[in-house]
């Protein structure tokens, strides 16, 4: 039954095959966008992304052993600067690119807090590309579910700016830092709506 539901999801949304373990098989409600997903935080607890309704989100796939890892500092600074305006950075560790996130959740959490003083929400490690891509990322990169911002994740630190209603409004490629004036401008535009 689970396999049939997953096949229906893939057919309906034109997405790559999804891993069955711990992934929802019910397609998200389109009007809720990313807010329809439930994810595991870095401590393994369920977090309904719907709990972030009314906040501007920056969803980022992160890694601890990447040349772009110092972007954690920028992400934390942006979080600190804007969090009182209902802004959240959501970090999703992924080991999809040259095994640059090999650690356990405990190791990742320890690294982020000790090296970069990360206080923004971190989640359990997921796959952001390939045949076992997590449904959240399948949604983020799908042409039918996220037109205009679709396409495979190129590398660690790809960012998706999400408005208060759960709709992706901007995709930011890995080397573009959150300190970039265009990125700051996009964040601030969403925060003032």
N, C-alpha and C. Protein backbone atom coordinates (compact mmCIF):
# COMPACT_ATOMS: atom_id res chain seq x y z
N UNK A 1 0.82 -1.20 0.00
CA UNK A 1 0.00 0.00 0.00
C UNK A 1 0.86 1.26 0.00
N UNK A 2 1.93 1.26 0.81
CA UNK A 2 2.83 2.40 0.89
C UNK A 2 3.50 2.64 -0.47
N UNK A 3 3.87 1.55 -1.15
CA UNK A 3 4.51 1.66 -2.45
C UNK A 3 3.56 2.25 -3.48
N UNK A 4 2.28 1.84 -3.45
CA UNK A 4 1.30 2.40 -4.38
C UNK A 4 1.10 3.89 -4.16
N UNK A 5 1.04 4.29 -2.90
CA UNK A 5 0.86 5.71 -2.59
C UNK A 5 2.07 6.51 -3.09
N UNK A 6 3.27 5.96 -2.91
CA UNK A 6 4.48 6.64 -3.35
C UNK A 6 4.49 6.75 -4.87
N UNK A 7 4.11 5.68 -5.56
CA UNK A 7 4.07 5.71 -7.03
C UNK A 7 3.08 6.77 -7.51
N UNK A 8 1.93 6.88 -6.84
CA UNK A 8 0.94 7.89 -7.20
C UNK A 8 1.52 9.29 -7.00
N UNK A 9 2.26 9.49 -5.91
CA UNK A 9 2.90 10.78 -5.64
C UNK A 9 3.88 11.13 -6.74
N UNK A 10 4.72 10.16 -7.12
CA UNK A 10 5.73 10.39 -8.15
C UNK A 10 5.05 10.70 -9.48
N UNK A 11 4.01 9.94 -9.83
CA UNK A 11 3.30 10.19 -11.09
C UNK A 11 2.61 11.54 -11.10
N UNK A 12 2.00 11.89 -9.98
CA UNK A 12 1.24 13.14 -9.90
C UNK A 12 2.15 14.37 -10.00
N UNK A 13 3.34 14.26 -9.42
CA UNK A 13 4.21 15.43 -9.37
C UNK A 13 5.42 15.35 -10.28
N UNK A 14 5.58 14.23 -11.02
CA UNK A 14 6.69 14.10 -11.94
C UNK A 14 8.03 14.16 -11.24
N UNK A 15 8.10 13.61 -10.03
CA UNK A 15 9.32 13.68 -9.24
C UNK A 15 10.10 12.39 -9.33
N UNK A 16 11.40 12.44 -9.01
CA UNK A 16 12.18 11.21 -8.99
C UNK A 16 11.66 10.26 -7.93
N UNK A 17 12.04 9.00 -8.06
CA UNK A 17 11.63 8.00 -7.07
C UNK A 17 12.10 8.42 -5.69
N UNK A 18 11.31 8.13 -4.69
CA UNK A 18 11.62 8.54 -3.34
C UNK A 18 11.88 7.33 -2.46
N UNK A 19 12.74 7.52 -1.47
CA UNK A 19 12.98 6.45 -0.51
C UNK A 19 11.75 6.29 0.36
N UNK A 20 11.45 5.06 0.73
CA UNK A 20 10.24 4.83 1.52
C UNK A 20 10.43 5.12 3.00
N UNK A 21 11.60 4.89 3.53
CA UNK A 21 11.79 4.99 4.96
C UNK A 21 11.61 6.42 5.46
N UNK A 22 10.74 6.59 6.42
CA UNK A 22 10.54 7.86 7.12
C UNK A 22 10.14 9.03 6.24
N UNK A 23 9.61 8.77 5.05
CA UNK A 23 9.19 9.86 4.18
C UNK A 23 7.68 9.81 4.01
N UNK A 24 7.04 10.98 4.04
CA UNK A 24 5.60 10.98 3.80
C UNK A 24 5.31 10.56 2.37
N UNK A 25 4.19 9.87 2.17
CA UNK A 25 3.84 9.45 0.82
C UNK A 25 2.62 10.21 0.30
N UNK A 26 2.08 11.07 1.10
CA UNK A 26 0.94 11.87 0.68
C UNK A 26 1.48 13.17 0.10
N UNK A 27 1.05 13.52 -1.12
CA UNK A 27 1.55 14.76 -1.69
C UNK A 27 1.18 15.96 -0.83
N UNK A 28 2.06 16.98 -0.79
CA UNK A 28 1.75 18.15 0.02
C UNK A 28 0.57 18.90 -0.56
N UNK A 29 -0.12 19.61 0.30
CA UNK A 29 -1.20 20.48 -0.17
C UNK A 29 -0.54 21.66 -0.86
N UNK A 30 -0.82 21.83 -2.14
CA UNK A 30 -0.12 22.85 -2.91
C UNK A 30 -0.25 24.23 -2.30
N UNK A 31 -1.39 24.54 -1.73
CA UNK A 31 -1.58 25.88 -1.18
C UNK A 31 -0.71 26.12 0.05
N UNK A 32 -0.21 25.04 0.66
CA UNK A 32 0.64 25.18 1.84
C UNK A 32 2.12 25.09 1.51
N UNK A 33 2.47 24.67 0.30
CA UNK A 33 3.87 24.59 -0.09
C UNK A 33 4.71 23.81 0.91
N UNK A 34 5.84 24.38 1.29
CA UNK A 34 6.75 23.67 2.19
C UNK A 34 6.16 23.50 3.58
N UNK A 35 5.13 24.27 3.90
CA UNK A 35 4.55 24.18 5.25
C UNK A 35 3.77 22.89 5.47
N UNK A 36 3.57 22.10 4.43
CA UNK A 36 2.82 20.85 4.57
C UNK A 36 3.69 19.69 5.05
N UNK A 37 5.00 19.89 5.15
CA UNK A 37 5.90 18.80 5.51
C UNK A 37 6.15 18.74 7.02
N UNK A 38 6.39 17.53 7.50
CA UNK A 38 6.86 17.31 8.86
C UNK A 38 8.26 16.73 8.76
N UNK A 39 9.20 17.32 9.46
CA UNK A 39 10.60 16.93 9.38
C UNK A 39 11.10 16.54 10.78
N UNK A 40 12.22 15.85 10.81
CA UNK A 40 12.86 15.53 12.09
C UNK A 40 13.94 16.56 12.36
N UNK A 41 13.94 17.11 13.58
CA UNK A 41 15.00 18.06 13.92
C UNK A 41 16.29 17.31 14.22
N UNK A 42 17.34 18.02 14.51
CA UNK A 42 18.67 17.42 14.71
C UNK A 42 18.67 16.46 15.90
N UNK A 43 17.68 16.60 16.80
CA UNK A 43 17.56 15.70 17.95
C UNK A 43 16.58 14.56 17.70
N UNK A 44 16.06 14.47 16.47
CA UNK A 44 15.17 13.37 16.10
C UNK A 44 13.70 13.59 16.43
N UNK A 45 13.33 14.80 16.81
CA UNK A 45 11.93 15.09 17.14
C UNK A 45 11.21 15.62 15.90
N UNK A 46 9.93 15.23 15.76
CA UNK A 46 9.12 15.71 14.64
C UNK A 46 8.87 17.21 14.78
N UNK A 47 9.01 17.91 13.66
CA UNK A 47 8.71 19.34 13.60
C UNK A 47 7.82 19.55 12.38
N UNK A 48 6.63 20.06 12.63
CA UNK A 48 5.73 20.40 11.53
C UNK A 48 6.17 21.76 10.98
N UNK A 49 6.50 21.80 9.70
CA UNK A 49 6.91 23.07 9.12
C UNK A 49 5.75 24.07 9.14
N UNK A 50 4.54 23.57 9.29
CA UNK A 50 3.37 24.46 9.45
C UNK A 50 3.51 25.33 10.69
N UNK A 51 4.31 24.89 11.66
CA UNK A 51 4.55 25.71 12.85
C UNK A 51 5.27 27.01 12.50
N UNK A 52 5.87 27.07 11.31
CA UNK A 52 6.57 28.28 10.87
C UNK A 52 5.68 29.20 10.03
N UNK A 53 4.40 28.86 9.92
CA UNK A 53 3.48 29.72 9.16
C UNK A 53 3.55 31.14 9.72
N UNK A 54 3.60 32.11 8.83
CA UNK A 54 3.70 33.50 9.24
C UNK A 54 5.12 33.99 9.38
N UNK A 55 6.10 33.10 9.15
CA UNK A 55 7.51 33.48 9.20
C UNK A 55 8.11 33.37 7.80
N UNK A 56 9.14 34.16 7.56
CA UNK A 56 9.93 34.05 6.34
C UNK A 56 11.04 33.04 6.63
N UNK A 57 11.20 32.08 5.72
CA UNK A 57 12.17 31.00 5.93
C UNK A 57 13.29 31.04 4.90
N UNK A 58 14.47 30.63 5.31
CA UNK A 58 15.56 30.37 4.40
C UNK A 58 15.97 28.92 4.64
N UNK A 59 15.64 28.07 3.67
CA UNK A 59 15.94 26.64 3.76
C UNK A 59 17.28 26.40 3.07
N UNK A 60 18.20 25.74 3.78
CA UNK A 60 19.57 25.57 3.27
C UNK A 60 20.04 24.14 3.51
N UNK A 61 20.61 23.50 2.46
CA UNK A 61 21.27 22.22 2.69
C UNK A 61 22.72 22.51 3.06
N UNK A 62 23.13 22.02 4.21
CA UNK A 62 24.42 22.39 4.79
C UNK A 62 25.35 21.18 4.89
N UNK A 63 26.65 21.48 5.06
CA UNK A 63 27.66 20.44 5.24
C UNK A 63 28.82 21.00 6.05
N UNK A 64 29.45 20.15 6.83
CA UNK A 64 30.50 20.57 7.76
C UNK A 64 31.91 20.55 7.18
N UNK A 65 32.10 19.84 6.07
CA UNK A 65 33.46 19.68 5.53
C UNK A 65 33.54 20.17 4.09
N UNK A 66 32.93 21.29 3.83
CA UNK A 66 32.83 21.85 2.49
C UNK A 66 33.58 23.18 2.46
N UNK A 67 34.07 23.56 1.30
CA UNK A 67 34.70 24.86 1.16
C UNK A 67 33.74 26.01 1.45
N UNK A 68 32.43 25.72 1.37
CA UNK A 68 31.42 26.74 1.64
C UNK A 68 30.93 26.73 3.09
N UNK A 69 31.46 25.83 3.90
CA UNK A 69 31.02 25.70 5.30
C UNK A 69 31.09 27.02 6.08
N UNK A 70 32.05 27.90 5.82
CA UNK A 70 32.05 29.18 6.54
C UNK A 70 30.77 30.01 6.35
N UNK A 71 29.93 29.63 5.39
CA UNK A 71 28.65 30.33 5.24
C UNK A 71 27.76 30.15 6.47
N UNK A 72 28.05 29.16 7.31
CA UNK A 72 27.31 29.03 8.57
C UNK A 72 27.35 30.36 9.34
N UNK A 73 28.51 31.03 9.33
CA UNK A 73 28.66 32.30 10.04
C UNK A 73 27.69 33.33 9.47
N UNK A 74 27.62 33.44 8.15
CA UNK A 74 26.70 34.39 7.51
C UNK A 74 25.25 34.06 7.84
N UNK A 75 24.92 32.77 7.79
CA UNK A 75 23.54 32.34 8.06
C UNK A 75 23.15 32.69 9.50
N UNK A 76 24.06 32.44 10.44
CA UNK A 76 23.77 32.76 11.83
C UNK A 76 23.61 34.27 12.02
N UNK A 77 24.46 35.07 11.36
CA UNK A 77 24.35 36.52 11.47
C UNK A 77 23.02 37.02 10.91
N UNK A 78 22.60 36.45 9.77
CA UNK A 78 21.31 36.85 9.19
C UNK A 78 20.17 36.46 10.12
N UNK A 79 20.27 35.27 10.70
CA UNK A 79 19.25 34.81 11.63
C UNK A 79 19.14 35.76 12.83
N UNK A 80 20.29 36.11 13.40
CA UNK A 80 20.30 37.02 14.55
C UNK A 80 19.75 38.39 14.18
N UNK A 81 20.09 38.87 12.99
CA UNK A 81 19.66 40.19 12.55
C UNK A 81 18.16 40.27 12.34
N UNK A 82 17.56 39.21 11.79
CA UNK A 82 16.16 39.27 11.36
C UNK A 82 15.18 38.45 12.19
N UNK A 83 15.66 37.68 13.14
CA UNK A 83 14.74 36.76 13.83
C UNK A 83 13.60 37.48 14.56
N UNK A 84 13.84 38.68 15.04
CA UNK A 84 12.77 39.42 15.71
C UNK A 84 11.70 39.91 14.74
N UNK A 85 11.99 39.79 13.43
CA UNK A 85 11.02 40.15 12.40
C UNK A 85 10.34 38.89 11.86
N UNK A 86 10.46 37.78 12.61
CA UNK A 86 9.85 36.50 12.26
C UNK A 86 10.53 35.86 11.04
N UNK A 87 11.86 35.74 11.14
CA UNK A 87 12.69 35.11 10.12
C UNK A 87 13.36 33.89 10.73
N UNK A 88 13.40 32.81 9.96
CA UNK A 88 14.04 31.58 10.41
C UNK A 88 14.96 31.05 9.33
N UNK A 89 16.12 30.58 9.72
CA UNK A 89 16.99 29.79 8.85
C UNK A 89 16.78 28.35 9.27
N UNK A 90 16.53 27.46 8.31
CA UNK A 90 16.36 26.04 8.60
C UNK A 90 17.49 25.28 7.91
N UNK A 91 18.38 24.69 8.69
CA UNK A 91 19.53 23.98 8.15
C UNK A 91 19.27 22.49 8.02
N UNK A 92 19.49 21.96 6.81
CA UNK A 92 19.29 20.54 6.52
C UNK A 92 20.61 19.91 6.10
N UNK A 93 21.31 19.25 7.02
CA UNK A 93 22.56 18.59 6.66
C UNK A 93 22.33 17.52 5.59
N UNK A 94 23.25 17.45 4.64
CA UNK A 94 23.17 16.45 3.58
C UNK A 94 24.58 16.00 3.21
N UNK A 95 24.71 14.72 2.97
CA UNK A 95 26.01 14.13 2.65
C UNK A 95 26.09 13.77 1.17
N UNK A 96 25.38 14.50 0.32
CA UNK A 96 25.24 14.16 -1.09
C UNK A 96 26.40 14.60 -1.97
N UNK A 97 27.25 15.47 -1.49
CA UNK A 97 28.29 16.04 -2.34
C UNK A 97 29.67 15.70 -1.78
N UNK A 98 30.33 14.75 -2.39
CA UNK A 98 31.68 14.31 -1.98
C UNK A 98 31.77 13.95 -0.50
N UNK A 99 30.70 13.42 0.06
CA UNK A 99 30.68 12.98 1.46
C UNK A 99 31.17 14.07 2.41
N UNK A 100 30.69 15.29 2.20
CA UNK A 100 31.15 16.41 3.01
C UNK A 100 30.34 16.64 4.29
N UNK A 101 29.40 15.73 4.55
CA UNK A 101 28.66 15.75 5.82
C UNK A 101 28.56 14.32 6.33
N UNK A 102 29.70 13.72 6.71
CA UNK A 102 29.70 12.31 7.09
C UNK A 102 29.26 12.03 8.53
N UNK A 103 29.18 13.03 9.36
CA UNK A 103 28.94 12.83 10.78
C UNK A 103 27.53 12.44 11.14
N UNK A 104 27.38 12.04 12.40
CA UNK A 104 26.06 11.77 12.97
C UNK A 104 25.39 13.11 13.31
N UNK A 105 24.12 13.05 13.64
CA UNK A 105 23.42 14.27 14.04
C UNK A 105 24.10 14.91 15.25
N UNK A 106 24.53 14.09 16.21
CA UNK A 106 25.21 14.63 17.40
C UNK A 106 26.50 15.35 17.01
N UNK A 107 27.27 14.75 16.10
CA UNK A 107 28.52 15.37 15.66
C UNK A 107 28.26 16.66 14.89
N UNK A 108 27.24 16.65 14.05
CA UNK A 108 26.88 17.84 13.28
C UNK A 108 26.46 18.96 14.23
N UNK A 109 25.61 18.64 15.18
CA UNK A 109 25.14 19.64 16.14
C UNK A 109 26.30 20.22 16.94
N UNK A 110 27.19 19.36 17.39
CA UNK A 110 28.35 19.81 18.16
C UNK A 110 29.24 20.73 17.32
N UNK A 111 29.48 20.34 16.07
CA UNK A 111 30.31 21.15 15.17
C UNK A 111 29.70 22.53 14.95
N UNK A 112 28.42 22.55 14.63
CA UNK A 112 27.75 23.83 14.32
C UNK A 112 27.73 24.78 15.50
N UNK A 113 27.48 24.24 16.67
CA UNK A 113 27.39 25.11 17.85
C UNK A 113 28.78 25.54 18.34
N UNK A 114 29.77 24.65 18.29
CA UNK A 114 31.09 25.00 18.81
C UNK A 114 31.89 25.86 17.83
N UNK A 115 31.80 25.56 16.55
CA UNK A 115 32.62 26.27 15.54
C UNK A 115 31.95 27.57 15.07
N UNK A 116 30.62 27.56 14.90
CA UNK A 116 29.92 28.71 14.33
C UNK A 116 28.83 29.29 15.22
N UNK A 117 28.69 28.79 16.43
CA UNK A 117 27.70 29.28 17.39
C UNK A 117 26.29 29.32 16.79
N UNK A 118 25.95 28.30 16.02
CA UNK A 118 24.65 28.24 15.35
C UNK A 118 23.54 28.10 16.39
N UNK A 119 22.54 28.97 16.26
CA UNK A 119 21.36 28.87 17.13
C UNK A 119 20.08 28.68 16.31
N UNK A 120 20.18 28.81 14.98
CA UNK A 120 18.98 28.60 14.16
C UNK A 120 18.66 27.11 14.10
N UNK A 121 17.42 26.76 13.79
CA UNK A 121 17.00 25.36 13.79
C UNK A 121 17.78 24.50 12.79
N UNK A 122 18.28 23.38 13.29
CA UNK A 122 18.97 22.39 12.47
C UNK A 122 18.13 21.11 12.48
N UNK A 123 18.17 20.40 11.38
CA UNK A 123 17.36 19.21 11.20
C UNK A 123 18.23 17.99 10.97
N UNK A 124 17.61 16.82 11.02
CA UNK A 124 18.33 15.58 10.79
C UNK A 124 18.81 15.52 9.34
N UNK A 125 19.86 14.75 9.15
CA UNK A 125 20.47 14.61 7.84
C UNK A 125 19.49 13.97 6.86
N UNK A 126 19.44 14.54 5.64
CA UNK A 126 18.55 14.03 4.60
C UNK A 126 19.32 13.96 3.28
N UNK A 127 18.67 13.37 2.27
CA UNK A 127 19.21 13.35 0.92
C UNK A 127 18.52 14.48 0.14
N UNK A 128 19.31 15.28 -0.58
CA UNK A 128 18.74 16.40 -1.31
C UNK A 128 18.82 16.21 -2.83
N UNK A 129 19.28 15.03 -3.25
CA UNK A 129 19.31 14.72 -4.68
C UNK A 129 19.31 13.21 -4.87
N UNK A 130 19.14 12.79 -6.09
CA UNK A 130 19.22 11.37 -6.42
C UNK A 130 17.93 10.61 -6.21
N UNK A 131 18.00 9.28 -6.36
CA UNK A 131 16.79 8.46 -6.31
C UNK A 131 16.13 8.38 -4.93
N UNK A 132 16.84 8.72 -3.87
CA UNK A 132 16.24 8.69 -2.53
C UNK A 132 16.12 10.10 -1.94
N UNK A 133 15.96 11.08 -2.83
CA UNK A 133 15.79 12.47 -2.40
C UNK A 133 14.62 12.58 -1.41
N UNK A 134 14.80 13.38 -0.39
CA UNK A 134 13.72 13.59 0.58
C UNK A 134 12.57 14.33 -0.11
N UNK A 135 11.32 14.00 0.21
CA UNK A 135 10.18 14.66 -0.43
C UNK A 135 10.18 16.19 -0.32
N UNK A 136 10.71 16.75 0.77
CA UNK A 136 10.78 18.20 0.86
C UNK A 136 11.63 18.75 -0.29
N UNK A 137 12.78 18.13 -0.51
CA UNK A 137 13.66 18.62 -1.57
C UNK A 137 13.12 18.25 -2.95
N UNK A 138 12.44 17.14 -3.08
CA UNK A 138 11.78 16.81 -4.35
C UNK A 138 10.76 17.91 -4.67
N UNK A 139 10.06 18.37 -3.65
CA UNK A 139 9.10 19.45 -3.81
C UNK A 139 9.81 20.75 -4.21
N UNK A 140 10.90 21.08 -3.52
CA UNK A 140 11.62 22.32 -3.78
C UNK A 140 12.18 22.39 -5.19
N UNK A 141 12.64 21.25 -5.72
CA UNK A 141 13.29 21.27 -7.04
C UNK A 141 12.38 20.84 -8.18
N UNK A 142 11.13 20.46 -7.89
CA UNK A 142 10.22 19.96 -8.92
C UNK A 142 9.65 21.07 -9.78
N UNK A 143 9.65 20.88 -11.08
CA UNK A 143 9.10 21.88 -12.00
C UNK A 143 7.60 22.07 -11.77
N UNK A 144 6.88 20.99 -11.49
CA UNK A 144 5.43 21.12 -11.28
C UNK A 144 5.10 21.72 -9.92
N UNK A 145 5.93 21.45 -8.93
CA UNK A 145 5.64 21.93 -7.58
C UNK A 145 6.29 23.27 -7.28
N UNK A 146 7.35 23.61 -8.01
CA UNK A 146 8.08 24.84 -7.74
C UNK A 146 8.58 25.44 -9.06
N UNK A 147 7.66 25.77 -9.96
CA UNK A 147 8.06 26.27 -11.27
C UNK A 147 8.93 27.52 -11.18
N UNK A 148 9.89 27.57 -12.08
CA UNK A 148 10.78 28.72 -12.11
C UNK A 148 11.99 28.60 -11.21
N UNK A 149 11.96 27.66 -10.27
CA UNK A 149 13.10 27.47 -9.38
C UNK A 149 13.49 26.01 -9.29
N UNK A 150 13.08 25.25 -10.28
CA UNK A 150 13.32 23.81 -10.27
C UNK A 150 14.74 23.49 -10.76
N UNK A 151 15.07 22.23 -10.69
CA UNK A 151 16.38 21.75 -11.12
C UNK A 151 17.16 21.19 -9.95
N UNK A 152 18.01 20.22 -10.25
CA UNK A 152 18.79 19.56 -9.19
C UNK A 152 19.58 20.53 -8.34
N UNK A 153 19.76 20.15 -7.10
CA UNK A 153 20.64 20.90 -6.20
C UNK A 153 22.06 20.72 -6.71
N UNK A 154 22.78 21.82 -6.91
CA UNK A 154 24.12 21.75 -7.49
C UNK A 154 25.19 21.40 -6.46
N UNK A 155 25.00 21.86 -5.22
CA UNK A 155 26.04 21.66 -4.21
C UNK A 155 25.48 22.04 -2.85
N UNK A 156 26.31 21.89 -1.83
CA UNK A 156 25.96 22.31 -0.48
C UNK A 156 25.68 23.83 -0.47
N UNK A 157 24.83 24.23 0.45
CA UNK A 157 24.49 25.63 0.69
C UNK A 157 23.67 26.27 -0.44
N UNK A 158 22.84 25.45 -1.10
CA UNK A 158 21.80 25.99 -1.96
C UNK A 158 20.70 26.49 -1.02
N UNK A 159 20.16 27.67 -1.32
CA UNK A 159 19.22 28.30 -0.41
C UNK A 159 17.89 28.56 -1.11
N UNK A 160 16.80 28.37 -0.37
CA UNK A 160 15.46 28.67 -0.87
C UNK A 160 14.81 29.65 0.10
N UNK A 161 14.42 30.82 -0.42
CA UNK A 161 13.72 31.81 0.38
C UNK A 161 12.23 31.55 0.25
N UNK A 162 11.56 31.41 1.39
CA UNK A 162 10.15 31.02 1.43
C UNK A 162 9.37 32.13 2.14
N UNK A 163 8.25 32.54 1.52
CA UNK A 163 7.46 33.62 2.12
C UNK A 163 6.62 33.11 3.30
N UNK A 164 5.88 34.00 3.91
CA UNK A 164 5.12 33.67 5.13
C UNK A 164 4.00 32.66 4.90
N UNK A 165 3.62 32.47 3.64
CA UNK A 165 2.57 31.50 3.30
C UNK A 165 3.13 30.15 2.86
N UNK A 166 4.44 30.01 2.84
CA UNK A 166 5.05 28.72 2.48
C UNK A 166 5.42 28.58 1.02
N UNK A 167 5.37 29.66 0.26
CA UNK A 167 5.70 29.62 -1.17
C UNK A 167 7.15 30.04 -1.37
N UNK A 168 7.88 29.28 -2.18
CA UNK A 168 9.27 29.63 -2.49
C UNK A 168 9.25 30.84 -3.41
N UNK A 169 10.01 31.87 -3.02
CA UNK A 169 10.04 33.10 -3.81
C UNK A 169 11.40 33.36 -4.45
N UNK A 170 12.43 32.65 -4.01
CA UNK A 170 13.76 32.85 -4.59
C UNK A 170 14.63 31.63 -4.30
N UNK A 171 15.39 31.24 -5.32
CA UNK A 171 16.39 30.18 -5.17
C UNK A 171 17.75 30.85 -5.27
N UNK A 172 18.62 30.54 -4.33
CA UNK A 172 19.95 31.16 -4.26
C UNK A 172 20.98 30.05 -4.37
N UNK A 173 21.82 30.14 -5.37
CA UNK A 173 22.79 29.07 -5.62
C UNK A 173 23.91 29.09 -4.58
N UNK A 174 24.63 27.96 -4.45
CA UNK A 174 25.56 27.76 -3.33
C UNK A 174 26.59 28.85 -3.06
N UNK A 175 27.26 29.34 -4.09
CA UNK A 175 28.33 30.31 -3.86
C UNK A 175 27.82 31.70 -3.52
N UNK A 176 26.54 31.96 -3.75
CA UNK A 176 25.97 33.27 -3.40
C UNK A 176 25.66 33.26 -1.91
N UNK A 177 26.33 34.14 -1.21
CA UNK A 177 26.19 34.18 0.24
C UNK A 177 24.97 35.00 0.65
N UNK A 178 24.51 34.74 1.84
CA UNK A 178 23.35 35.46 2.36
C UNK A 178 23.69 36.94 2.61
N UNK A 179 24.98 37.27 2.63
CA UNK A 179 25.42 38.65 2.79
C UNK A 179 25.36 39.43 1.48
N UNK A 180 25.14 38.74 0.37
CA UNK A 180 25.03 39.39 -0.93
C UNK A 180 23.90 40.43 -0.88
N UNK A 181 24.13 41.65 -1.40
CA UNK A 181 23.09 42.69 -1.32
C UNK A 181 21.75 42.28 -1.93
N UNK A 182 21.78 41.51 -3.03
CA UNK A 182 20.52 41.08 -3.64
C UNK A 182 19.76 40.10 -2.75
N UNK A 183 20.51 39.25 -2.04
CA UNK A 183 19.87 38.29 -1.13
C UNK A 183 19.28 39.04 0.06
N UNK A 184 20.04 39.94 0.65
CA UNK A 184 19.54 40.74 1.78
C UNK A 184 18.28 41.51 1.37
N UNK A 185 18.33 42.09 0.17
CA UNK A 185 17.19 42.86 -0.33
C UNK A 185 15.95 41.97 -0.47
N UNK A 186 16.14 40.75 -0.97
CA UNK A 186 15.02 39.81 -1.13
C UNK A 186 14.45 39.41 0.22
N UNK A 187 15.32 39.14 1.19
CA UNK A 187 14.87 38.78 2.54
C UNK A 187 14.08 39.93 3.15
N UNK A 188 14.64 41.11 3.07
CA UNK A 188 14.00 42.28 3.68
C UNK A 188 12.66 42.60 3.00
N UNK A 189 12.59 42.36 1.69
CA UNK A 189 11.33 42.61 0.97
C UNK A 189 10.24 41.68 1.50
N UNK A 190 10.59 40.41 1.76
CA UNK A 190 9.60 39.47 2.29
C UNK A 190 9.23 39.80 3.73
N UNK A 191 10.20 40.25 4.51
CA UNK A 191 9.95 40.57 5.91
C UNK A 191 9.03 41.77 6.08
N UNK A 192 9.01 42.66 5.09
CA UNK A 192 8.18 43.86 5.21
C UNK A 192 6.81 43.71 4.57
N UNK A 193 6.50 42.53 4.05
CA UNK A 193 5.17 42.30 3.45
C UNK A 193 4.17 41.94 4.51
